[in-house]
Amino acid sequence: MAKETVQAVRNAEASALKMEKEALNKKEDIILEANQKAKKLIADVIHEAQSKADKEIKNAMRQHDIILEEARKEAENEARLLIEVAKAKEESAINLVISKVI
């Protein structure tokens, strides 16, 4: 009976060591999987942020182009109006000189 008890203890110790080794292996697997998931999550977040930033940059560039186009049109209109005013003043000046001469 002592032999059986000793054998049972040895079997229990062997079983406990085996379970401990399996638990350590499982722990390493879980840590590895968690690290891989974390890296993928980080990469996904970075990719999403980059995509969002790219879209915002494109939108800003479109706005920039629109604002420049509006400013160009406004400048052209103002230049046209100034030319018309200058022509009208030139015509007035010519008429004034003509009326002084006559």
Protein backbone atom coordinates (compact mmCIF):
# COMPACT_ATOMS: atom_id res chain seq x y z
CA MET A 1 0.00 0.00 0.00
CA ALA A 2 2.93 2.34 0.67
CA LYS A 3 4.23 1.54 -2.80
CA GLU A 4 0.85 2.38 -4.28
CA THR A 5 0.72 5.64 -2.33
CA VAL A 6 4.23 6.56 -3.44
CA GLN A 7 3.33 5.69 -7.03
CA ALA A 8 0.12 7.71 -6.78
CA VAL A 9 2.11 10.69 -5.45
CA ARG A 10 4.64 10.32 -8.29
CA ASN A 11 1.84 10.08 -10.82
CA ALA A 12 0.21 13.15 -9.32
CA GLU A 13 3.52 15.05 -9.44
CA ALA A 14 4.08 13.99 -13.04
CA SER A 15 0.55 14.98 -13.92
CA ALA A 16 0.99 18.32 -12.15
CA LEU A 17 4.27 18.98 -13.99
CA LYS A 18 2.61 18.09 -17.29
CA MET A 19 -0.31 20.40 -16.52
CA GLU A 20 2.10 23.18 -15.50
CA LYS A 21 4.03 22.76 -18.77
CA GLU A 22 0.81 22.79 -20.79
CA ALA A 23 -0.35 25.88 -18.92
CA LEU A 24 2.96 27.64 -19.63
CA ASN A 25 2.71 26.71 -23.31
CA LYS A 26 -0.88 27.90 -23.43
CA LYS A 27 0.14 31.13 -21.69
CA GLU A 28 2.83 31.73 -24.32
CA ASP A 29 0.34 31.00 -27.11
CA ILE A 30 -2.17 33.43 -25.59
CA ILE A 31 0.50 36.13 -25.20
CA LEU A 32 1.67 35.59 -28.78
CA GLU A 33 -1.89 35.77 -30.10
CA ALA A 34 -2.58 38.89 -28.03
CA ASN A 35 0.57 40.54 -29.39
CA GLN A 36 -0.43 39.66 -32.95
CA LYS A 37 -3.94 41.01 -32.43
CA ALA A 38 -2.53 44.18 -30.87
CA LYS A 39 -0.15 44.70 -33.80
CA LYS A 40 -2.98 44.18 -36.28
CA LEU A 41 -5.23 46.54 -34.36
CA ILE A 42 -2.50 49.18 -34.31
CA ALA A 43 -1.88 48.73 -38.03
CA ASP A 44 -5.62 48.98 -38.74
CA VAL A 45 -5.96 52.12 -36.62
CA ILE A 46 -2.95 53.68 -38.34
CA HIS A 47 -4.31 52.76 -41.76
CA GLU A 48 -7.72 54.18 -40.92
CA ALA A 49 -6.19 57.39 -39.57
CA GLN A 50 -4.02 57.71 -42.68
CA SER A 51 -7.03 57.18 -44.94
CA LYS A 52 -9.01 59.77 -43.02
CA ALA A 53 -6.10 62.22 -43.17
CA ASP A 54 -5.75 61.63 -46.92
CA LYS A 55 -9.45 62.34 -47.42
CA GLU A 56 -9.23 65.51 -45.35
CA ILE A 57 -6.19 66.64 -47.33
CA LYS A 58 -8.02 66.01 -50.61
CA ASN A 59 -11.04 67.95 -49.32
CA ALA A 60 -8.79 70.80 -48.22
CA MET A 61 -7.13 70.85 -51.64
CA ARG A 62 -10.54 70.96 -53.34
CA GLN A 63 -11.56 73.84 -51.09
CA HIS A 64 -8.24 75.52 -51.86
CA ASP A 65 -8.87 75.18 -55.60
CA ILE A 66 -12.42 76.50 -55.25
CA ILE A 67 -11.27 79.50 -53.22
CA LEU A 68 -8.49 80.26 -55.71
CA GLU A 69 -10.89 80.00 -58.63
CA GLU A 70 -13.38 82.33 -56.92
CA ALA A 71 -10.60 84.79 -56.12
CA ARG A 72 -9.36 84.64 -59.74
CA LYS A 73 -12.87 85.32 -61.07
CA GLU A 74 -13.34 88.17 -58.62
CA ALA A 75 -9.98 89.67 -59.59
CA GLU A 76 -10.84 89.39 -63.29
CA ASN A 77 -14.20 91.10 -62.71
CA GLU A 78 -12.59 93.84 -60.70
CA ALA A 79 -9.92 94.34 -63.37
CA ARG A 80 -12.62 94.48 -66.07
CA LEU A 81 -14.56 97.06 -64.06
CA LEU A 82 -11.42 99.13 -63.50
CA ILE A 83 -10.67 99.02 -67.23
CA GLU A 84 -14.23 100.17 -67.97
CA VAL A 85 -13.92 102.98 -65.44
CA ALA A 86 -10.55 103.97 -66.90
CA LYS A 87 -12.01 103.99 -70.44
CA ALA A 88 -14.94 106.08 -69.26
CA LYS A 89 -12.60 108.56 -67.55
CA GLU A 90 -10.38 108.62 -70.62
CA GLU A 91 -13.42 109.36 -72.77
CA SER A 92 -14.52 112.06 -70.32
CA ALA A 93 -11.05 113.57 -70.36
CA ILE A 94 -10.99 113.55 -74.18
CA ASN A 95 -14.44 115.14 -74.29
CA LEU A 96 -13.33 117.76 -71.74
CA VAL A 97 -10.25 118.61 -73.81
CA ILE A 98 -12.35 118.75 -76.97
CA SER A 99 -14.92 121.00 -75.27
CA LYS A 100 -12.15 123.34 -74.05
CA VAL A 101 -10.65 123.47 -77.51
CA ILE A 102 -13.98 124.20 -79.18
